PDB file of N, CA and C in Angstrom:
ATOM      1  N   UNK A   1      95.054  95.821 106.652  1.00  0.00           N
ATOM      2  CA  UNK A   1      96.128  96.596 106.052  1.00  0.00           C
ATOM      3  C   UNK A   1      95.664  98.042 105.934  1.00  0.00           C
ATOM      4  N   UNK A   2      96.544  98.996 106.202  1.00  0.00           N
ATOM      5  CA  UNK A   2      96.171 100.405 106.074  1.00  0.00           C
ATOM      6  C   UNK A   2      95.773 100.740 104.646  1.00  0.00           C
ATOM      7  N   UNK A   3      94.897 101.720 104.500  1.00  0.00           N
ATOM      8  CA  UNK A   3      94.453 102.118 103.168  1.00  0.00           C
ATOM      9  C   UNK A   3      94.237 103.628 103.117  1.00  0.00           C
ATOM     10  N   UNK A   4      94.678 104.246 102.030  1.00  0.00           N
ATOM     11  CA  UNK A   4      94.496 105.682 101.854  1.00  0.00           C
ATOM     12  C   UNK A   4      93.021 106.046 101.716  1.00  0.00           C
ATOM     13  N   UNK A   5      92.169 105.088 101.351  1.00  0.00           N
ATOM     14  CA  UNK A   5      90.750 105.390 101.155  1.00  0.00           C
ATOM     15  C   UNK A   5      90.037 105.718 102.463  1.00  0.00           C
ATOM     16  N   UNK A   6      90.665 105.453 103.599  1.00  0.00           N
ATOM     17  CA  UNK A   6      90.026 105.775 104.876  1.00  0.00           C
ATOM     18  C   UNK A   6      90.096 107.266 105.197  1.00  0.00           C
ATOM     19  N   UNK A   7      90.871 108.031 104.433  1.00  0.00           N
ATOM     20  CA  UNK A   7      91.029 109.448 104.697  1.00  0.00           C
ATOM     21  C   UNK A   7      90.099 110.272 103.820  1.00  0.00           C
ATOM     22  N   UNK A   8      89.752 111.449 104.319  1.00  0.00           N
ATOM     23  CA  UNK A   8      88.914 112.383 103.574  1.00  0.00           C
ATOM     24  C   UNK A   8      89.795 113.316 102.747  1.00  0.00           C
ATOM     25  N   UNK A   9      89.255 113.812 101.641  1.00  0.00           N
ATOM     26  CA  UNK A   9      89.988 114.818 100.867  1.00  0.00           C
ATOM     27  C   UNK A   9      89.897 116.187 101.541  1.00  0.00           C
ATOM     28  N   UNK A  10      89.042 116.305 102.543  1.00  0.00           N
ATOM     29  CA  UNK A  10      88.955 117.522 103.353  1.00  0.00           C
ATOM     30  C   UNK A  10      89.855 117.347 104.571  1.00  0.00           C
ATOM     31  N   UNK A  11      90.981 118.050 104.632  1.00  0.00           N
ATOM     32  CA  UNK A  11      91.930 117.862 105.735  1.00  0.00           C
ATOM     33  C   UNK A  11      91.303 118.019 107.122  1.00  0.00           C
ATOM     34  N   UNK A  12      90.297 118.881 107.257  1.00  0.00           N
ATOM     35  CA  UNK A  12      89.665 119.098 108.560  1.00  0.00           C
ATOM     36  C   UNK A  12      88.908 117.881 109.068  1.00  0.00           C
ATOM     37  N   UNK A  13      88.565 116.968 108.179  1.00  0.00           N
ATOM     38  CA  UNK A  13      87.836 115.764 108.575  1.00  0.00           C
ATOM     39  C   UNK A  13      88.763 114.659 109.082  1.00  0.00           C
ATOM     40  N   UNK A  14      90.051 114.784 108.832  1.00  0.00           N
ATOM     41  CA  UNK A  14      91.016 113.750 109.222  1.00  0.00           C
ATOM     42  C   UNK A  14      91.556 114.026 110.625  1.00  0.00           C
ATOM     43  N   UNK A  15      90.732 113.701 111.630  1.00  0.00           N
ATOM     44  CA  UNK A  15      91.136 113.945 113.014  1.00  0.00           C
ATOM     45  C   UNK A  15      91.679 112.693 113.685  1.00  0.00           C
ATOM     46  N   UNK A  16      91.597 111.563 112.998  1.00  0.00           N
ATOM     47  CA  UNK A  16      92.248 110.341 113.470  1.00  0.00           C
ATOM     48  C   UNK A  16      93.021 109.722 112.318  1.00  0.00           C
ATOM     49  N   UNK A  17      94.123 109.100 112.642  1.00  0.00           N
ATOM     50  CA  UNK A  17      94.945 108.395 111.669  1.00  0.00           C
ATOM     51  C   UNK A  17      95.230 107.020 112.252  1.00  0.00           C
ATOM     52  N   UNK A  18      94.660 106.000 111.625  1.00  0.00           N
ATOM     53  CA  UNK A  18      94.839 104.646 112.149  1.00  0.00           C
ATOM     54  C   UNK A  18      94.292 104.488 113.549  1.00  0.00           C
ATOM     55  N   UNK A  19      93.224 105.211 113.866  1.00  0.00           N
ATOM     56  CA  UNK A  19      92.614 105.142 115.188  1.00  0.00           C
ATOM     57  C   UNK A  19      93.288 106.035 116.221  1.00  0.00           C
ATOM     58  N   UNK A  20      94.329 106.750 115.844  1.00  0.00           N
ATOM     59  CA  UNK A  20      95.049 107.636 116.758  1.00  0.00           C
ATOM     60  C   UNK A  20      94.548 109.062 116.595  1.00  0.00           C
ATOM     61  N   UNK A  21      94.247 109.712 117.711  1.00  0.00           N
ATOM     62  CA  UNK A  21      93.772 111.087 117.692  1.00  0.00           C
ATOM     63  C   UNK A  21      94.895 112.022 117.238  1.00  0.00           C
ATOM     64  N   UNK A  22      94.629 112.807 116.188  1.00  0.00           N
ATOM     65  CA  UNK A  22      95.585 113.817 115.722  1.00  0.00           C
ATOM     66  C   UNK A  22      94.908 115.187 115.644  1.00  0.00           C
ATOM     67  N   UNK A  23      93.799 115.340 116.366  1.00  0.00           N
ATOM     68  CA  UNK A  23      93.101 116.628 116.392  1.00  0.00           C
ATOM     69  C   UNK A  23      93.949 117.647 117.155  1.00  0.00           C
ATOM     70  N   UNK A  24      93.552 118.917 117.090  1.00  0.00           N
ATOM     71  CA  UNK A  24      94.265 119.975 117.799  1.00  0.00           C
ATOM     72  C   UNK A  24      94.466 119.584 119.261  1.00  0.00           C
ATOM     73  N   UNK A  25      95.628 119.904 119.792  1.00  0.00           N
ATOM     74  CA  UNK A  25      96.000 119.679 121.190  1.00  0.00           C
ATOM     75  C   UNK A  25      96.131 118.190 121.542  1.00  0.00           C
ATOM     76  N   UNK A  26      96.355 117.335 120.539  1.00  0.00           N
ATOM     77  CA  UNK A  26      96.532 115.911 120.816  1.00  0.00           C
ATOM     78  C   UNK A  26      97.908 115.662 121.431  1.00  0.00           C
ATOM     79  N   UNK A  27      98.097 114.470 121.921  1.00  0.00           N
ATOM     80  CA  UNK A  27      99.367 114.075 122.516  1.00  0.00           C
ATOM     81  C   UNK A  27     100.458 114.003 121.447  1.00  0.00           C
ATOM     82  N   UNK A  28     101.695 114.428 121.768  1.00  0.00           N
ATOM     83  CA  UNK A  28     102.800 114.277 120.808  1.00  0.00           C
ATOM     84  C   UNK A  28     103.001 112.822 120.391  1.00  0.00           C
ATOM     85  N   UNK A  29     102.733 111.894 121.292  1.00  0.00           N
ATOM     86  CA  UNK A  29     102.833 110.469 120.968  1.00  0.00           C
ATOM     87  C   UNK A  29     101.890 110.110 119.826  1.00  0.00           C
ATOM     88  N   UNK A  30     100.717 110.744 119.798  1.00  0.00           N
ATOM     89  CA  UNK A  30      99.769 110.480 118.723  1.00  0.00           C
ATOM     90  C   UNK A  30     100.316 110.887 117.368  1.00  0.00           C
ATOM     91  N   UNK A  31     101.051 111.992 117.326  1.00  0.00           N
ATOM     92  CA  UNK A  31     101.640 112.440 116.063  1.00  0.00           C
ATOM     93  C   UNK A  31     102.663 111.420 115.578  1.00  0.00           C
ATOM     94  N   UNK A  32     103.511 110.929 116.483  1.00  0.00           N
ATOM     95  CA  UNK A  32     104.503 109.913 116.107  1.00  0.00           C
ATOM     96  C   UNK A  32     103.824 108.665 115.550  1.00  0.00           C
ATOM     97  N   UNK A  33     102.785 108.196 116.236  1.00  0.00           N
ATOM     98  CA  UNK A  33     102.072 106.998 115.769  1.00  0.00           C
ATOM     99  C   UNK A  33     101.389 107.249 114.433  1.00  0.00           C
ATOM    100  N   UNK A  34     100.842 108.461 114.249  1.00  0.00           N
ATOM    101  CA  UNK A  34     100.169 108.793 112.995  1.00  0.00           C
ATOM    102  C   UNK A  34     101.162 108.816 111.838  1.00  0.00           C
ATOM    103  N   UNK A  35     102.364 109.352 112.068  1.00  0.00           N
ATOM    104  CA  UNK A  35     103.372 109.383 111.005  1.00  0.00           C
ATOM    105  C   UNK A  35     103.775 107.966 110.618  1.00  0.00           C
ATOM    106  N   UNK A  36     103.951 107.094 111.582  1.00  0.00           N
ATOM    107  CA  UNK A  36     104.295 105.697 111.271  1.00  0.00           C
ATOM    108  C   UNK A  36     103.163 105.015 110.507  1.00  0.00           C
ATOM    109  N   UNK A  37     101.929 105.299 110.895  1.00  0.00           N
ATOM    110  CA  UNK A  37     100.780 104.719 110.196  1.00  0.00           C
ATOM    111  C   UNK A  37     100.737 105.212 108.752  1.00  0.00           C
ATOM    112  N   UNK A  38     100.942 106.519 108.551  1.00  0.00           N
ATOM    113  CA  UNK A  38     100.932 107.061 107.196  1.00  0.00           C
ATOM    114  C   UNK A  38     102.053 106.477 106.348  1.00  0.00           C
ATOM    115  N   UNK A  39     103.214 106.224 106.958  1.00  0.00           N
ATOM    116  CA  UNK A  39     104.307 105.586 106.229  1.00  0.00           C
ATOM    117  C   UNK A  39     103.886 104.197 105.758  1.00  0.00           C
ATOM    118  N   UNK A  40     103.145 103.468 106.586  1.00  0.00           N
ATOM    119  CA  UNK A  40     102.654 102.137 106.189  1.00  0.00           C
ATOM    120  C   UNK A  40     101.639 102.250 105.058  1.00  0.00           C
ATOM    121  N   UNK A  41     100.781 103.273 105.101  1.00  0.00           N
ATOM    122  CA  UNK A  41      99.802 103.485 104.032  1.00  0.00           C
ATOM    123  C   UNK A  41     100.524 103.779 102.715  1.00  0.00           C
ATOM    124  N   UNK A  42     101.550 104.625 102.768  1.00  0.00           N
ATOM    125  CA  UNK A  42     102.298 104.969 101.553  1.00  0.00           C
ATOM    126  C   UNK A  42     102.972 103.732 100.991  1.00  0.00           C
ATOM    127  N   UNK A  43     103.588 102.923 101.838  1.00  0.00           N
ATOM    128  CA  UNK A  43     104.275 101.715 101.367  1.00  0.00           C
ATOM    129  C   UNK A  43     103.277 100.727 100.761  1.00  0.00           C
ATOM    130  N   UNK A  44     102.141 100.539 101.418  1.00  0.00           N
ATOM    131  CA  UNK A  44     101.126  99.622 100.909  1.00  0.00           C
ATOM    132  C   UNK A  44     100.632 100.086  99.539  1.00  0.00           C
ATOM    133  N   UNK A  45     100.430 101.381  99.380  1.00  0.00           N
ATOM    134  CA  UNK A  45      99.997 101.929  98.088  1.00  0.00           C
ATOM    135  C   UNK A  45     101.077 101.731  97.037  1.00  0.00           C
ATOM    136  N   UNK A  46     102.330 101.991  97.399  1.00  0.00           N
ATOM    137  CA  UNK A  46     103.443 101.819  96.454  1.00  0.00           C
ATOM    138  C   UNK A  46     103.563 100.367  96.003  1.00  0.00           C
ATOM    139  N   UNK A  47     103.305  99.427  96.897  1.00  0.00           N
ATOM    140  CA  UNK A  47     103.384  98.011  96.529  1.00  0.00           C
ATOM    141  C   UNK A  47     102.293  97.607  95.549  1.00  0.00           C
ATOM    142  N   UNK A  48     101.201  98.363  95.508  1.00  0.00           N
ATOM    143  CA  UNK A  48     100.085  98.040  94.614  1.00  0.00           C
ATOM    144  C   UNK A  48     100.218  98.683  93.240  1.00  0.00           C
ATOM    145  N   UNK A  49     101.110  99.654  93.093  1.00  0.00           N
ATOM    146  CA  UNK A  49     101.294 100.358  91.825  1.00  0.00           C
ATOM    147  C   UNK A  49     102.318  99.595  90.986  1.00  0.00           C
ATOM    148  N   UNK A  50     101.988  99.278  89.734  1.00  0.00           N
ATOM    149  CA  UNK A  50     102.945  98.534  88.910  1.00  0.00           C
ATOM    150  C   UNK A  50     104.224  99.332  88.672  1.00  0.00           C
ATOM    151  N   UNK A  51     105.300  98.625  88.539  1.00  0.00           N
ATOM    152  CA  UNK A  51     106.586  99.263  88.272  1.00  0.00           C
ATOM    153  C   UNK A  51     106.591  99.869  86.880  1.00  0.00           C
ATOM    154  N   UNK A  52     107.236 101.021  86.747  1.00  0.00           N
ATOM    155  CA  UNK A  52     107.350 101.678  85.445  1.00  0.00           C
ATOM    156  C   UNK A  52     108.670 101.327  84.767  1.00  0.00           C
ATOM    157  N   UNK A  53     109.438 100.423  85.360  1.00  0.00           N
ATOM    158  CA  UNK A  53     110.750 100.089  84.804  1.00  0.00           C
ATOM    159  C   UNK A  53     110.663  99.439  83.435  1.00  0.00           C
ATOM    160  N   UNK A  54     109.567  98.770  83.126  1.00  0.00           N
ATOM    161  CA  UNK A  54     109.432  98.075  81.849  1.00  0.00           C
ATOM    162  C   UNK A  54     108.534  98.827  80.883  1.00  0.00           C
ATOM    163  N   UNK A  55     108.479 100.139  81.021  1.00  0.00           N
ATOM    164  CA  UNK A  55     107.627 100.951  80.150  1.00  0.00           C
ATOM    165  C   UNK A  55     108.208 101.033  78.746  1.00  0.00           C
ATOM    166  N   UNK A  56     107.330 101.312  77.797  1.00  0.00           N
ATOM    167  CA  UNK A  56     107.758 101.503  76.419  1.00  0.00           C
ATOM    168  C   UNK A  56     108.520 102.819  76.327  1.00  0.00           C
ATOM    169  N   UNK A  57     109.701 102.819  75.727  1.00  0.00           N
ATOM    170  CA  UNK A  57     110.441 104.077  75.574  1.00  0.00           C
ATOM    171  C   UNK A  57     109.702 105.029  74.636  1.00  0.00           C
ATOM    172  N   UNK A  58     109.999 106.314  74.739  1.00  0.00           N
ATOM    173  CA  UNK A  58     109.332 107.317  73.910  1.00  0.00           C
ATOM    174  C   UNK A  58     109.604 107.070  72.436  1.00  0.00           C
ATOM    175  N   UNK A  59     110.819 106.648  72.082  1.00  0.00           N
ATOM    176  CA  UNK A  59     111.107 106.359  70.683  1.00  0.00           C
ATOM    177  C   UNK A  59     111.998 105.127  70.608  1.00  0.00           C
ATOM    178  N   UNK A  60     111.903 104.421  69.515  1.00  0.00           N
ATOM    179  CA  UNK A  60     112.776 103.284  69.271  1.00  0.00           C
ATOM    180  C   UNK A  60     112.353 101.984  69.921  1.00  0.00           C
ATOM    181  N   UNK A  61     111.206 101.945  70.562  1.00  0.00           N
ATOM    182  CA  UNK A  61     110.761 100.719  71.226  1.00  0.00           C
ATOM    183  C   UNK A  61     109.835  99.903  70.354  1.00  0.00           C
ATOM    184  N   UNK A  62     109.665  98.653  70.712  1.00  0.00           N
ATOM    185  CA  UNK A  62     108.737  97.774  70.000  1.00  0.00           C
ATOM    186  C   UNK A  62     108.152  96.773  70.976  1.00  0.00           C
ATOM    187  N   UNK A  63     106.837  96.570  70.896  1.00  0.00           N
ATOM    188  CA  UNK A  63     106.207  95.539  71.701  1.00  0.00           C
ATOM    189  C   UNK A  63     106.495  94.182  71.084  1.00  0.00           C
ATOM    190  N   UNK A  64     106.797  93.217  71.909  1.00  0.00           N
ATOM    191  CA  UNK A  64     106.987  91.850  71.432  1.00  0.00           C
ATOM    192  C   UNK A  64     106.207  90.904  72.324  1.00  0.00           C
ATOM    193  N   UNK A  65     105.839  89.762  71.793  1.00  0.00           N
ATOM    194  CA  UNK A  65     105.109  88.776  72.591  1.00  0.00           C
ATOM    195  C   UNK A  65     103.683  89.216  72.842  1.00  0.00           C
ATOM    196  N   UNK A  66     103.048  88.581  73.826  1.00  0.00           N
ATOM    197  CA  UNK A  66     101.669  88.896  74.176  1.00  0.00           C
ATOM    198  C   UNK A  66     101.608  90.203  74.945  1.00  0.00           C
ATOM    199  N   UNK A  67     100.649  91.028  74.604  1.00  0.00           N
ATOM    200  CA  UNK A  67     100.442  92.280  75.310  1.00  0.00           C
ATOM    201  C   UNK A  67      99.209  92.105  76.174  1.00  0.00           C
ATOM    202  N   UNK A  68      99.372  92.242  77.468  1.00  0.00           N
ATOM    203  CA  UNK A  68      98.250  92.109  78.391  1.00  0.00           C
ATOM    204  C   UNK A  68      98.175  93.356  79.246  1.00  0.00           C
ATOM    205  N   UNK A  69      97.045  93.564  79.832  1.00  0.00           N
ATOM    206  CA  UNK A  69      96.889  94.660  80.773  1.00  0.00           C
ATOM    207  C   UNK A  69      96.043  94.163  81.928  1.00  0.00           C
ATOM    208  N   UNK A  70      96.293  94.727  83.087  1.00  0.00           N
ATOM    209  CA  UNK A  70      95.581  94.258  84.263  1.00  0.00           C
ATOM    210  C   UNK A  70      94.518  95.240  84.732  1.00  0.00           C
ATOM    211  N   UNK A  71      94.546  96.463  84.253  1.00  0.00           N
ATOM    212  CA  UNK A  71      93.557  97.449  84.680  1.00  0.00           C
ATOM    213  C   UNK A  71      93.117  98.275  83.486  1.00  0.00           C
ATOM    214  N   UNK A  72      92.732  99.503  83.730  1.00  0.00           N
ATOM    215  CA  UNK A  72      92.240 100.363  82.657  1.00  0.00           C
ATOM    216  C   UNK A  72      93.327 100.659  81.635  1.00  0.00           C
ATOM    217  N   UNK A  73      92.902 101.077  80.452  1.00  0.00           N
ATOM    218  CA  UNK A  73      93.849 101.455  79.415  1.00  0.00           C
ATOM    219  C   UNK A  73      93.631 100.624  78.171  1.00  0.00           C
ATOM    220  N   UNK A  74      94.326 100.963  77.145  1.00  0.00           N
ATOM    221  CA  UNK A  74      94.195 100.234  75.909  1.00  0.00           C
ATOM    222  C   UNK A  74      95.432 100.386  75.063  1.00  0.00           C
ATOM    223  N   UNK A  75      95.490  99.622  74.006  1.00  0.00           N
ATOM    224  CA  UNK A  75      96.619  99.657  73.095  1.00  0.00           C
ATOM    225  C   UNK A  75      96.107  99.890  71.687  1.00  0.00           C
ATOM    226  N   UNK A  76      96.768 100.764  70.959  1.00  0.00           N
ATOM    227  CA  UNK A  76      96.420 101.020  69.572  1.00  0.00           C
ATOM    228  C   UNK A  76      97.023  99.905  68.731  1.00  0.00           C
ATOM    229  N   UNK A  77      96.198  99.254  67.946  1.00  0.00           N
ATOM    230  CA  UNK A  77      96.665  98.135  67.130  1.00  0.00           C
ATOM    231  C   UNK A  77      96.178  98.331  65.707  1.00  0.00           C
ATOM    232  N   UNK A  78      97.077  98.254  64.746  1.00  0.00           N
ATOM    233  CA  UNK A  78      96.717  98.378  63.341  1.00  0.00           C
ATOM    234  C   UNK A  78      96.692  96.997  62.700  1.00  0.00           C
ATOM    235  N   UNK A  79      95.727  96.808  61.817  1.00  0.00           N
ATOM    236  CA  UNK A  79      95.573  95.520  61.153  1.00  0.00           C
ATOM    237  C   UNK A  79      96.589  95.312  60.039  1.00  0.00           C
ATOM    238  N   UNK A  80      97.117  96.386  59.472  1.00  0.00           N
ATOM    239  CA  UNK A  80      98.060  96.257  58.365  1.00  0.00           C
ATOM    240  C   UNK A  80      99.341  97.030  58.624  1.00  0.00           C
ATOM    241  N   UNK A  81     100.424  96.544  58.067  1.00  0.00           N
ATOM    242  CA  UNK A  81     101.716  97.187  58.288  1.00  0.00           C
ATOM    243  C   UNK A  81     101.806  98.561  57.624  1.00  0.00           C
ATOM    244  N   UNK A  82     100.923  98.860  56.667  1.00  0.00           N
ATOM    245  CA  UNK A  82     100.943 100.163  56.009  1.00  0.00           C
ATOM    246  C   UNK A  82     100.382 101.258  56.927  1.00  0.00           C
ATOM    247  N   UNK A  83      99.649 100.862  57.946  1.00  0.00           N
ATOM    248  CA  UNK A  83      99.063 101.833  58.880  1.00  0.00           C
ATOM    249  C   UNK A  83     100.083 102.120  59.982  1.00  0.00           C
ATOM    250  N   UNK A  84     100.914 103.101  59.723  1.00  0.00           N
ATOM    251  CA  UNK A  84     102.049 103.328  60.610  1.00  0.00           C
ATOM    252  C   UNK A  84     101.960 104.586  61.452  1.00  0.00           C
ATOM    253  N   UNK A  85     100.981 105.455  61.204  1.00  0.00           N
ATOM    254  CA  UNK A  85     100.958 106.743  61.900  1.00  0.00           C
ATOM    255  C   UNK A  85     100.794 106.568  63.408  1.00  0.00           C
ATOM    256  N   UNK A  86      99.666 106.047  63.853  1.00  0.00           N
ATOM    257  CA  UNK A  86      99.452 105.774  65.265  1.00  0.00           C
ATOM    258  C   UNK A  86      99.058 106.951  66.126  1.00  0.00           C
ATOM    259  N   UNK A  87      98.972 108.160  65.557  1.00  0.00           N
ATOM    260  CA  UNK A  87      98.549 109.302  66.364  1.00  0.00           C
ATOM    261  C   UNK A  87      97.037 109.290  66.546  1.00  0.00           C
ATOM    262  N   UNK A  88      96.586 109.869  67.666  1.00  0.00           N
ATOM    263  CA  UNK A  88      95.164 109.973  67.963  1.00  0.00           C
ATOM    264  C   UNK A  88      94.824 111.456  68.077  1.00  0.00           C
ATOM    265  N   UNK A  89      93.808 111.901  67.323  1.00  0.00           N
ATOM    266  CA  UNK A  89      93.401 113.303  67.306  1.00  0.00           C
ATOM    267  C   UNK A  89      91.992 113.427  67.867  1.00  0.00           C
ATOM    268  N   UNK A  90      91.740 114.483  68.627  1.00  0.00           N
ATOM    269  CA  UNK A  90      90.411 114.850  69.097  1.00  0.00           C
ATOM    270  C   UNK A  90      90.154 116.246  68.564  1.00  0.00           C
ATOM    271  N   UNK A  91      89.199 116.372  67.642  1.00  0.00           N
ATOM    272  CA  UNK A  91      88.937 117.662  67.005  1.00  0.00           C
ATOM    273  C   UNK A  91      87.445 117.971  67.045  1.00  0.00           C
ATOM    274  N   UNK A  92      87.145 119.263  67.002  1.00  0.00           N
ATOM    275  CA  UNK A  92      85.754 119.705  67.039  1.00  0.00           C
ATOM    276  C   UNK A  92      85.027 119.278  65.772  1.00  0.00           C
ATOM    277  N   UNK A  93      83.749 118.927  65.936  1.00  0.00           N
ATOM    278  CA  UNK A  93      82.918 118.528  64.808  1.00  0.00           C
ATOM    279  C   UNK A  93      82.884 119.659  63.786  1.00  0.00           C
ATOM    280  N   UNK A  94      83.006 119.320  62.515  1.00  0.00           N
ATOM    281  CA  UNK A  94      83.024 120.310  61.449  1.00  0.00           C
ATOM    282  C   UNK A  94      84.433 120.726  61.051  1.00  0.00           C
ATOM    283  N   UNK A  95      85.414 120.347  61.851  1.00  0.00           N
ATOM    284  CA  UNK A  95      86.805 120.662  61.515  1.00  0.00           C
ATOM    285  C   UNK A  95      87.275 119.731  60.417  1.00  0.00           C
ATOM    286  N   UNK A  96      88.284 120.179  59.709  1.00  0.00           N
ATOM    287  CA  UNK A  96      88.870 119.334  58.685  1.00  0.00           C
ATOM    288  C   UNK A  96      89.684 118.205  59.297  1.00  0.00           C
ATOM    289  N   UNK A  97      89.966 117.226  58.457  1.00  0.00           N
ATOM    290  CA  UNK A  97      90.771 116.092  58.922  1.00  0.00           C
ATOM    291  C   UNK A  97      92.208 116.565  59.141  1.00  0.00           C
ATOM    292  N   UNK A  98      92.811 116.186  60.271  1.00  0.00           N
ATOM    293  CA  UNK A  98      94.206 116.577  60.514  1.00  0.00           C
ATOM    294  C   UNK A  98      95.137 115.980  59.461  1.00  0.00           C
ATOM    295  N   UNK A  99      96.221 116.684  59.189  1.00  0.00           N
ATOM    296  CA  UNK A  99      97.219 116.157  58.260  1.00  0.00           C
ATOM    297  C   UNK A  99      97.930 115.003  58.940  1.00  0.00           C
ATOM    298  N   UNK A 100      97.661 113.811  58.457  1.00  0.00           N
ATOM    299  CA  UNK A 100      98.250 112.623  59.067  1.00  0.00           C
ATOM    300  C   UNK A 100      98.336 111.533  58.015  1.00  0.00           C
ATOM    301  N   UNK A 101      99.196 110.589  58.258  1.00  0.00           N
ATOM    302  CA  UNK A 101      99.320 109.480  57.320  1.00  0.00           C
ATOM    303  C   UNK A 101      98.396 108.334  57.735  1.00  0.00           C
ATOM    304  N   UNK A 102      98.412 107.270  56.948  1.00  0.00           N
ATOM    305  CA  UNK A 102      97.547 106.110  57.173  1.00  0.00           C
ATOM    306  C   UNK A 102      97.759 105.545  58.575  1.00  0.00           C
ATOM    307  N   UNK A 103      96.669 105.310  59.275  1.00  0.00           N
ATOM    308  CA  UNK A 103      96.736 104.716  60.603  1.00  0.00           C
ATOM    309  C   UNK A 103      96.396 105.665  61.725  1.00  0.00           C
ATOM    310  N   UNK A 104      96.227 106.957  61.421  1.00  0.00           N
ATOM    311  CA  UNK A 104      95.835 107.920  62.453  1.00  0.00           C
ATOM    312  C   UNK A 104      94.376 107.662  62.827  1.00  0.00           C
ATOM    313  N   UNK A 105      94.036 107.961  64.058  1.00  0.00           N
ATOM    314  CA  UNK A 105      92.671 107.817  64.553  1.00  0.00           C
ATOM    315  C   UNK A 105      92.165 109.220  64.876  1.00  0.00           C
ATOM    316  N   UNK A 106      90.985 109.561  64.351  1.00  0.00           N
ATOM    317  CA  UNK A 106      90.435 110.899  64.560  1.00  0.00           C
ATOM    318  C   UNK A 106      89.081 110.767  65.241  1.00  0.00           C
ATOM    319  N   UNK A 107      88.910 111.446  66.375  1.00  0.00           N
ATOM    320  CA  UNK A 107      87.633 111.503  67.083  1.00  0.00           C
ATOM    321  C   UNK A 107      87.100 112.921  66.930  1.00  0.00           C
ATOM    322  N   UNK A 108      85.835 113.024  66.509  1.00  0.00           N
ATOM    323  CA  UNK A 108      85.200 114.328  66.377  1.00  0.00           C
ATOM    324  C   UNK A 108      84.225 114.498  67.539  1.00  0.00           C
ATOM    325  N   UNK A 109      84.268 115.647  68.185  1.00  0.00           N
ATOM    326  CA  UNK A 109      83.353 115.925  69.293  1.00  0.00           C
ATOM    327  C   UNK A 109      82.561 117.191  69.000  1.00  0.00           C
ATOM    328  N   UNK A 110      81.402 117.296  69.663  1.00  0.00           N
ATOM    329  CA  UNK A 110      80.581 118.500  69.464  1.00  0.00           C
ATOM    330  C   UNK A 110      80.425 119.246  70.769  1.00  0.00           C
TER     331      UNK A 110
END
């Protein structure tokens, strides 16, 4: 299956696409084949990306049932219903605590 990882981030290094020569002065047929190959790479990548249709809305949403994840990321979970803030702050070491209600998470960095 085609993969985007076969390409370099340096455009000058990408002189073949799917084994087809696309270097300067290549055959026009090679360009057509390369475009079709790239379309397959894009589709394959799109099929691997989870759909965003079931995302949590910005406001008014609630998670229900089991919350699972298949890759990187995490979920903020409070042990008590009184911890309702849910904001996460990153502040410089020595700074005061941000104005927030119960449940905020504060990370101090130096």
